Amino acid sequence: MDCGTCETAGPVIVQTPEVVNVELTITKNAESMLEQAFGDDKSMALLVGVLSGGCSGYMYDLQIVDDTDIDCQELSISGFRILVPNSSSHLLDGIEIDYEDRLMGGGFKINNPNAKSSCGCGESFA
């Protein structure tokens, strides 16, 4: 709303990122963990997304889902259904999904060639 006393700003231009056909890889360790998580139910999918936040600007979001209302690309890798939201495809193209066992508990790790920087915990990137 413009009260008429202030300079008005120009129009806000919203840029929608270009949708990229995602290619990604999964390490043997990650495959083993997914086999344990999915069991024999191959109808489930791994949703690999990105959220705003974290130390560096974006955080990875991995979920096991039946289905989603999000506009996604569906990939089949090593017999697993992988869903990647089109809205974050430009950030996730070329990633490698790994799983690391650590002393204080293991977890999935994303190796992302698109990340300009990442935080010390490895859970967020820019």
N, C-alpha and C. Protein backbone atom coordinates (compact mmCIF):
# COMPACT_ATOMS: atom_id res chain seq x y z
N MET A 1 0.85 -1.17 0.00
CA MET A 1 0.00 0.00 0.00
C MET A 1 0.89 1.23 0.00
N ASP A 2 0.59 2.18 -0.82
CA ASP A 2 1.39 3.38 -0.95
C ASP A 2 0.63 4.55 -0.33
N CYS A 3 1.22 5.19 0.71
CA CYS A 3 0.55 6.31 1.37
C CYS A 3 0.77 7.61 0.62
N GLY A 4 1.66 7.60 -0.36
CA GLY A 4 1.89 8.79 -1.16
C GLY A 4 2.97 9.70 -0.63
N THR A 5 3.54 9.39 0.53
CA THR A 5 4.56 10.26 1.11
C THR A 5 5.97 9.71 0.93
N CYS A 6 6.09 8.47 0.59
CA CYS A 6 7.41 7.83 0.43
C CYS A 6 7.68 7.54 -1.04
N GLU A 7 8.97 7.45 -1.33
CA GLU A 7 9.31 6.99 -2.67
C GLU A 7 8.85 5.55 -2.80
N THR A 8 8.29 5.25 -3.93
CA THR A 8 7.82 3.89 -4.12
C THR A 8 8.93 3.07 -4.76
N ALA A 9 9.01 1.86 -4.32
CA ALA A 9 9.99 0.94 -4.88
C ALA A 9 9.49 0.42 -6.22
N GLY A 10 10.42 0.01 -7.02
CA GLY A 10 10.05 -0.58 -8.30
C GLY A 10 9.40 -1.92 -8.10
N PRO A 11 8.89 -2.51 -9.15
CA PRO A 11 8.23 -3.81 -9.00
C PRO A 11 9.22 -4.89 -8.57
N VAL A 12 8.73 -5.82 -7.80
CA VAL A 12 9.54 -6.94 -7.36
C VAL A 12 9.50 -7.99 -8.47
N ILE A 13 10.67 -8.42 -8.89
CA ILE A 13 10.77 -9.42 -9.93
C ILE A 13 11.11 -10.75 -9.28
N VAL A 14 10.22 -11.70 -9.43
CA VAL A 14 10.42 -13.03 -8.87
C VAL A 14 10.95 -13.92 -9.99
N GLN A 15 12.11 -14.50 -9.73
CA GLN A 15 12.68 -15.40 -10.73
C GLN A 15 12.50 -16.84 -10.27
N THR A 16 11.89 -17.62 -11.13
CA THR A 16 11.72 -19.03 -10.86
C THR A 16 12.90 -19.77 -11.49
N PRO A 17 13.61 -20.57 -10.69
CA PRO A 17 14.76 -21.27 -11.25
C PRO A 17 14.34 -22.25 -12.34
N GLU A 18 15.23 -22.44 -13.29
CA GLU A 18 14.99 -23.37 -14.38
C GLU A 18 14.99 -24.80 -13.84
N VAL A 19 14.06 -25.60 -14.30
CA VAL A 19 14.00 -27.00 -13.90
C VAL A 19 15.09 -27.76 -14.66
N VAL A 20 15.87 -28.53 -13.93
CA VAL A 20 16.98 -29.29 -14.49
C VAL A 20 16.63 -30.78 -14.37
N ASN A 21 16.92 -31.55 -15.41
CA ASN A 21 16.77 -33.01 -15.32
C ASN A 21 17.88 -33.54 -14.44
N VAL A 22 17.52 -33.96 -13.25
CA VAL A 22 18.48 -34.34 -12.22
C VAL A 22 19.10 -35.70 -12.50
N GLU A 23 20.41 -35.75 -12.32
CA GLU A 23 21.14 -37.01 -12.29
C GLU A 23 21.83 -37.07 -10.95
N LEU A 24 21.70 -38.20 -10.25
CA LEU A 24 22.36 -38.34 -8.95
C LEU A 24 22.82 -39.77 -8.79
N THR A 25 23.70 -39.97 -7.82
CA THR A 25 24.21 -41.31 -7.55
C THR A 25 24.02 -41.64 -6.07
N ILE A 26 24.02 -42.94 -5.79
CA ILE A 26 23.89 -43.43 -4.41
C ILE A 26 25.04 -44.39 -4.17
N THR A 27 25.75 -44.19 -3.06
CA THR A 27 26.86 -45.09 -2.73
C THR A 27 26.33 -46.42 -2.23
N LYS A 28 27.21 -47.41 -2.16
CA LYS A 28 26.84 -48.74 -1.65
C LYS A 28 26.38 -48.66 -0.19
N ASN A 29 27.03 -47.81 0.61
CA ASN A 29 26.62 -47.65 2.02
C ASN A 29 25.20 -47.11 2.11
N ALA A 30 24.88 -46.12 1.27
CA ALA A 30 23.53 -45.54 1.27
C ALA A 30 22.51 -46.57 0.79
N GLU A 31 22.88 -47.36 -0.23
CA GLU A 31 21.98 -48.41 -0.72
C GLU A 31 21.65 -49.40 0.40
N SER A 32 22.66 -49.79 1.16
CA SER A 32 22.44 -50.73 2.27
C SER A 32 21.46 -50.17 3.29
N MET A 33 21.62 -48.90 3.63
CA MET A 33 20.72 -48.28 4.60
C MET A 33 19.31 -48.15 4.05
N LEU A 34 19.20 -47.82 2.77
CA LEU A 34 17.86 -47.73 2.15
C LEU A 34 17.19 -49.10 2.10
N GLU A 35 17.96 -50.15 1.83
CA GLU A 35 17.41 -51.50 1.84
C GLU A 35 16.84 -51.84 3.22
N GLN A 36 17.55 -51.44 4.27
CA GLN A 36 17.06 -51.68 5.63
C GLN A 36 15.81 -50.86 5.90
N ALA A 37 15.79 -49.60 5.44
CA ALA A 37 14.66 -48.71 5.70
C ALA A 37 13.42 -49.12 4.91
N PHE A 38 13.59 -49.51 3.66
CA PHE A 38 12.46 -49.85 2.80
C PHE A 38 12.00 -51.29 2.99
N GLY A 39 12.91 -52.18 3.34
CA GLY A 39 12.55 -53.59 3.40
C GLY A 39 12.14 -54.07 2.02
N ASP A 40 11.06 -54.82 1.97
CA ASP A 40 10.56 -55.33 0.69
C ASP A 40 9.57 -54.37 0.03
N ASP A 41 9.26 -53.26 0.68
CA ASP A 41 8.26 -52.32 0.17
C ASP A 41 8.90 -51.32 -0.79
N LYS A 42 8.93 -51.69 -2.05
CA LYS A 42 9.54 -50.82 -3.06
C LYS A 42 8.57 -49.75 -3.57
N SER A 43 7.35 -49.69 -2.98
CA SER A 43 6.42 -48.62 -3.35
C SER A 43 6.79 -47.31 -2.66
N MET A 44 7.56 -47.40 -1.58
CA MET A 44 8.01 -46.21 -0.86
C MET A 44 9.06 -45.49 -1.70
N ALA A 45 9.26 -44.20 -1.40
CA ALA A 45 10.24 -43.41 -2.16
C ALA A 45 11.06 -42.57 -1.20
N LEU A 46 12.27 -42.24 -1.61
CA LEU A 46 13.12 -41.31 -0.88
C LEU A 46 12.94 -39.95 -1.52
N LEU A 47 12.39 -39.00 -0.75
CA LEU A 47 12.21 -37.63 -1.21
C LEU A 47 13.45 -36.85 -0.80
N VAL A 48 14.18 -36.34 -1.77
CA VAL A 48 15.42 -35.59 -1.53
C VAL A 48 15.13 -34.14 -1.88
N GLY A 49 15.01 -33.31 -0.86
CA GLY A 49 14.68 -31.91 -1.08
C GLY A 49 15.63 -30.96 -0.40
N VAL A 50 15.31 -29.68 -0.52
CA VAL A 50 16.11 -28.61 0.06
C VAL A 50 15.17 -27.66 0.78
N LEU A 51 15.56 -27.24 1.98
CA LEU A 51 14.82 -26.26 2.76
C LEU A 51 15.68 -25.02 2.94
N SER A 52 15.05 -23.86 3.06
CA SER A 52 15.79 -22.65 3.41
C SER A 52 16.16 -22.75 4.88
N GLY A 53 17.38 -22.34 5.21
CA GLY A 53 17.80 -22.33 6.60
C GLY A 53 19.16 -22.94 6.78
N GLY A 54 19.48 -23.22 8.02
CA GLY A 54 20.79 -23.78 8.33
C GLY A 54 21.84 -22.69 8.41
N CYS A 55 23.04 -23.08 8.70
CA CYS A 55 24.16 -22.14 8.87
C CYS A 55 24.51 -21.44 7.57
N SER A 56 24.34 -22.13 6.44
CA SER A 56 24.85 -21.62 5.17
C SER A 56 23.78 -21.17 4.18
N GLY A 57 22.51 -21.32 4.49
CA GLY A 57 21.47 -20.85 3.59
C GLY A 57 20.45 -21.90 3.20
N TYR A 58 20.89 -23.13 2.93
CA TYR A 58 20.00 -24.23 2.58
C TYR A 58 20.33 -25.45 3.42
N MET A 59 19.31 -26.27 3.67
CA MET A 59 19.50 -27.54 4.38
C MET A 59 18.91 -28.66 3.54
N TYR A 60 19.54 -29.80 3.56
CA TYR A 60 19.00 -30.97 2.87
C TYR A 60 17.84 -31.53 3.67
N ASP A 61 16.85 -32.06 2.96
CA ASP A 61 15.69 -32.65 3.60
C ASP A 61 15.43 -34.00 2.94
N LEU A 62 15.70 -35.07 3.68
CA LEU A 62 15.49 -36.43 3.17
C LEU A 62 14.33 -37.06 3.95
N GLN A 63 13.35 -37.58 3.21
CA GLN A 63 12.20 -38.21 3.84
C GLN A 63 11.83 -39.47 3.07
N ILE A 64 11.36 -40.46 3.79
CA ILE A 64 10.80 -41.64 3.15
C ILE A 64 9.29 -41.42 3.11
N VAL A 65 8.72 -41.46 1.90
CA VAL A 65 7.32 -41.15 1.71
C VAL A 65 6.64 -42.21 0.84
N ASP A 66 5.32 -42.29 0.97
CA ASP A 66 4.52 -43.11 0.05
C ASP A 66 4.34 -42.34 -1.26
N ASP A 67 3.97 -41.08 -1.11
CA ASP A 67 3.70 -40.21 -2.25
C ASP A 67 3.79 -38.78 -1.75
N THR A 68 3.75 -37.82 -2.66
CA THR A 68 3.82 -36.42 -2.28
C THR A 68 3.00 -35.59 -3.25
N ASP A 69 2.55 -34.44 -2.78
CA ASP A 69 1.83 -33.49 -3.64
C ASP A 69 2.79 -32.53 -4.32
N ILE A 70 4.07 -32.59 -3.96
CA ILE A 70 5.09 -31.71 -4.51
C ILE A 70 5.36 -32.12 -5.96
N ASP A 71 5.54 -31.13 -6.84
CA ASP A 71 5.89 -31.39 -8.24
C ASP A 71 7.32 -31.91 -8.29
N CYS A 72 7.48 -33.21 -8.57
CA CYS A 72 8.79 -33.87 -8.49
C CYS A 72 9.14 -34.61 -9.76
N GLN A 73 10.44 -34.83 -9.89
CA GLN A 73 10.96 -35.78 -10.86
C GLN A 73 11.11 -37.10 -10.12
N GLU A 74 10.76 -38.20 -10.79
CA GLU A 74 10.93 -39.51 -10.17
C GLU A 74 12.04 -40.25 -10.89
N LEU A 75 13.05 -40.64 -10.13
CA LEU A 75 14.17 -41.40 -10.68
C LEU A 75 14.13 -42.80 -10.09
N SER A 76 14.64 -43.76 -10.83
CA SER A 76 14.79 -45.11 -10.33
C SER A 76 16.28 -45.41 -10.33
N ILE A 77 16.83 -45.56 -9.13
CA ILE A 77 18.26 -45.80 -8.99
C ILE A 77 18.46 -47.03 -8.11
N SER A 78 19.11 -48.02 -8.66
CA SER A 78 19.38 -49.28 -7.94
C SER A 78 18.09 -49.89 -7.39
N GLY A 79 16.98 -49.71 -8.10
CA GLY A 79 15.71 -50.28 -7.68
C GLY A 79 14.94 -49.43 -6.69
N PHE A 80 15.45 -48.28 -6.32
CA PHE A 80 14.78 -47.38 -5.38
C PHE A 80 14.12 -46.23 -6.12
N ARG A 81 12.94 -45.83 -5.65
CA ARG A 81 12.27 -44.64 -6.18
C ARG A 81 12.86 -43.42 -5.45
N ILE A 82 13.38 -42.48 -6.22
CA ILE A 82 13.94 -41.25 -5.66
C ILE A 82 13.13 -40.09 -6.24
N LEU A 83 12.58 -39.25 -5.38
CA LEU A 83 11.80 -38.09 -5.80
C LEU A 83 12.61 -36.82 -5.52
N VAL A 84 12.71 -35.96 -6.53
CA VAL A 84 13.44 -34.69 -6.39
C VAL A 84 12.49 -33.57 -6.81
N PRO A 85 12.17 -32.65 -5.90
CA PRO A 85 11.29 -31.53 -6.27
C PRO A 85 11.89 -30.71 -7.41
N ASN A 86 11.05 -30.39 -8.40
CA ASN A 86 11.52 -29.57 -9.51
C ASN A 86 12.01 -28.21 -9.06
N SER A 87 11.42 -27.69 -7.98
CA SER A 87 11.81 -26.35 -7.50
C SER A 87 13.24 -26.31 -6.98
N SER A 88 13.80 -27.45 -6.61
CA SER A 88 15.19 -27.48 -6.12
C SER A 88 16.09 -28.33 -7.00
N SER A 89 15.62 -28.66 -8.19
CA SER A 89 16.41 -29.53 -9.09
C SER A 89 17.75 -28.90 -9.45
N HIS A 90 17.80 -27.58 -9.60
CA HIS A 90 19.05 -26.91 -9.96
C HIS A 90 20.08 -26.99 -8.84
N LEU A 91 19.64 -27.21 -7.61
CA LEU A 91 20.55 -27.33 -6.47
C LEU A 91 21.00 -28.76 -6.23
N LEU A 92 20.26 -29.73 -6.77
CA LEU A 92 20.52 -31.13 -6.46
C LEU A 92 21.05 -31.95 -7.62
N ASP A 93 21.18 -31.36 -8.79
CA ASP A 93 21.70 -32.10 -9.94
C ASP A 93 23.16 -32.47 -9.69
N GLY A 94 23.49 -33.75 -9.86
CA GLY A 94 24.86 -34.21 -9.71
C GLY A 94 25.25 -34.63 -8.32
N ILE A 95 24.31 -34.61 -7.35
CA ILE A 95 24.68 -34.97 -5.98
C ILE A 95 24.95 -36.46 -5.86
N GLU A 96 25.68 -36.79 -4.81
CA GLU A 96 25.90 -38.18 -4.42
C GLU A 96 25.34 -38.34 -3.01
N ILE A 97 24.48 -39.35 -2.84
CA ILE A 97 23.93 -39.64 -1.53
C ILE A 97 24.76 -40.74 -0.92
N ASP A 98 25.31 -40.47 0.26
CA ASP A 98 26.18 -41.42 0.95
C ASP A 98 25.62 -41.65 2.34
N TYR A 99 26.09 -42.69 3.00
CA TYR A 99 25.76 -42.94 4.39
C TYR A 99 27.05 -43.18 5.13
N GLU A 100 27.22 -42.50 6.26
CA GLU A 100 28.43 -42.64 7.07
C GLU A 100 28.08 -43.13 8.45
N ASP A 101 28.79 -44.17 8.90
CA ASP A 101 28.70 -44.60 10.30
C ASP A 101 29.64 -43.73 11.10
N ARG A 102 29.12 -43.19 12.19
CA ARG A 102 29.96 -42.35 13.05
C ARG A 102 29.84 -42.83 14.49
N LEU A 103 30.78 -42.45 15.30
CA LEU A 103 30.81 -42.85 16.70
C LEU A 103 29.52 -42.46 17.42
N MET A 104 29.01 -41.27 17.15
CA MET A 104 27.80 -40.78 17.82
C MET A 104 26.55 -41.02 16.97
N GLY A 105 26.56 -42.00 16.11
CA GLY A 105 25.41 -42.31 15.27
C GLY A 105 25.68 -41.96 13.82
N GLY A 106 25.15 -42.75 12.93
CA GLY A 106 25.38 -42.53 11.51
C GLY A 106 24.33 -41.63 10.91
N GLY A 107 24.54 -41.33 9.64
CA GLY A 107 23.57 -40.51 8.95
C GLY A 107 23.90 -40.39 7.47
N PHE A 108 22.89 -39.98 6.73
CA PHE A 108 23.09 -39.75 5.31
C PHE A 108 23.88 -38.48 5.12
N LYS A 109 24.71 -38.48 4.11
CA LYS A 109 25.54 -37.33 3.78
C LYS A 109 25.36 -37.06 2.29
N ILE A 110 25.21 -35.81 1.95
CA ILE A 110 25.07 -35.41 0.55
C ILE A 110 26.37 -34.75 0.11
N ASN A 111 26.96 -35.29 -0.93
CA ASN A 111 28.12 -34.66 -1.57
C ASN A 111 27.58 -33.90 -2.77
N ASN A 112 27.69 -32.57 -2.70
CA ASN A 112 27.05 -31.72 -3.69
C ASN A 112 28.07 -30.87 -4.44
N PRO A 113 28.29 -31.14 -5.74
CA PRO A 113 29.24 -30.35 -6.51
C PRO A 113 28.75 -28.92 -6.78
N ASN A 114 27.45 -28.65 -6.56
CA ASN A 114 26.88 -27.32 -6.79
C ASN A 114 27.07 -26.37 -5.61
N ALA A 115 27.42 -26.92 -4.45
CA ALA A 115 27.54 -26.11 -3.24
C ALA A 115 28.80 -25.25 -3.31
N LYS A 116 28.60 -23.94 -3.15
CA LYS A 116 29.74 -23.01 -3.14
C LYS A 116 30.45 -23.06 -1.79
N SER A 117 29.68 -23.37 -0.74
CA SER A 117 30.25 -23.51 0.59
C SER A 117 29.31 -24.38 1.41
N SER A 118 29.82 -24.91 2.51
CA SER A 118 28.99 -25.68 3.42
C SER A 118 29.45 -25.43 4.84
N CYS A 119 28.59 -25.73 5.80
CA CYS A 119 28.95 -25.47 7.20
C CYS A 119 29.77 -26.65 7.74
N GLY A 120 30.28 -26.48 8.92
CA GLY A 120 31.12 -27.50 9.54
C GLY A 120 30.39 -28.80 9.81
N CYS A 121 29.09 -28.71 10.08
CA CYS A 121 28.32 -29.94 10.39
C CYS A 121 27.97 -30.70 9.13
N GLY A 122 28.10 -30.07 7.95
CA GLY A 122 27.82 -30.73 6.68
C GLY A 122 26.34 -30.87 6.35
N GLU A 123 25.48 -30.23 7.16
CA GLU A 123 24.06 -30.37 6.94
C GLU A 123 23.45 -29.20 6.18
N SER A 124 24.22 -28.14 5.95
CA SER A 124 23.69 -27.03 5.18
C SER A 124 24.74 -26.55 4.17
N PHE A 125 24.27 -25.83 3.16
CA PHE A 125 25.16 -25.40 2.09
C PHE A 125 24.64 -24.12 1.49
N ALA A 126 25.50 -23.48 0.70
CA ALA A 126 25.12 -22.27 -0.02
C ALA A 126 25.46 -22.45 -1.49
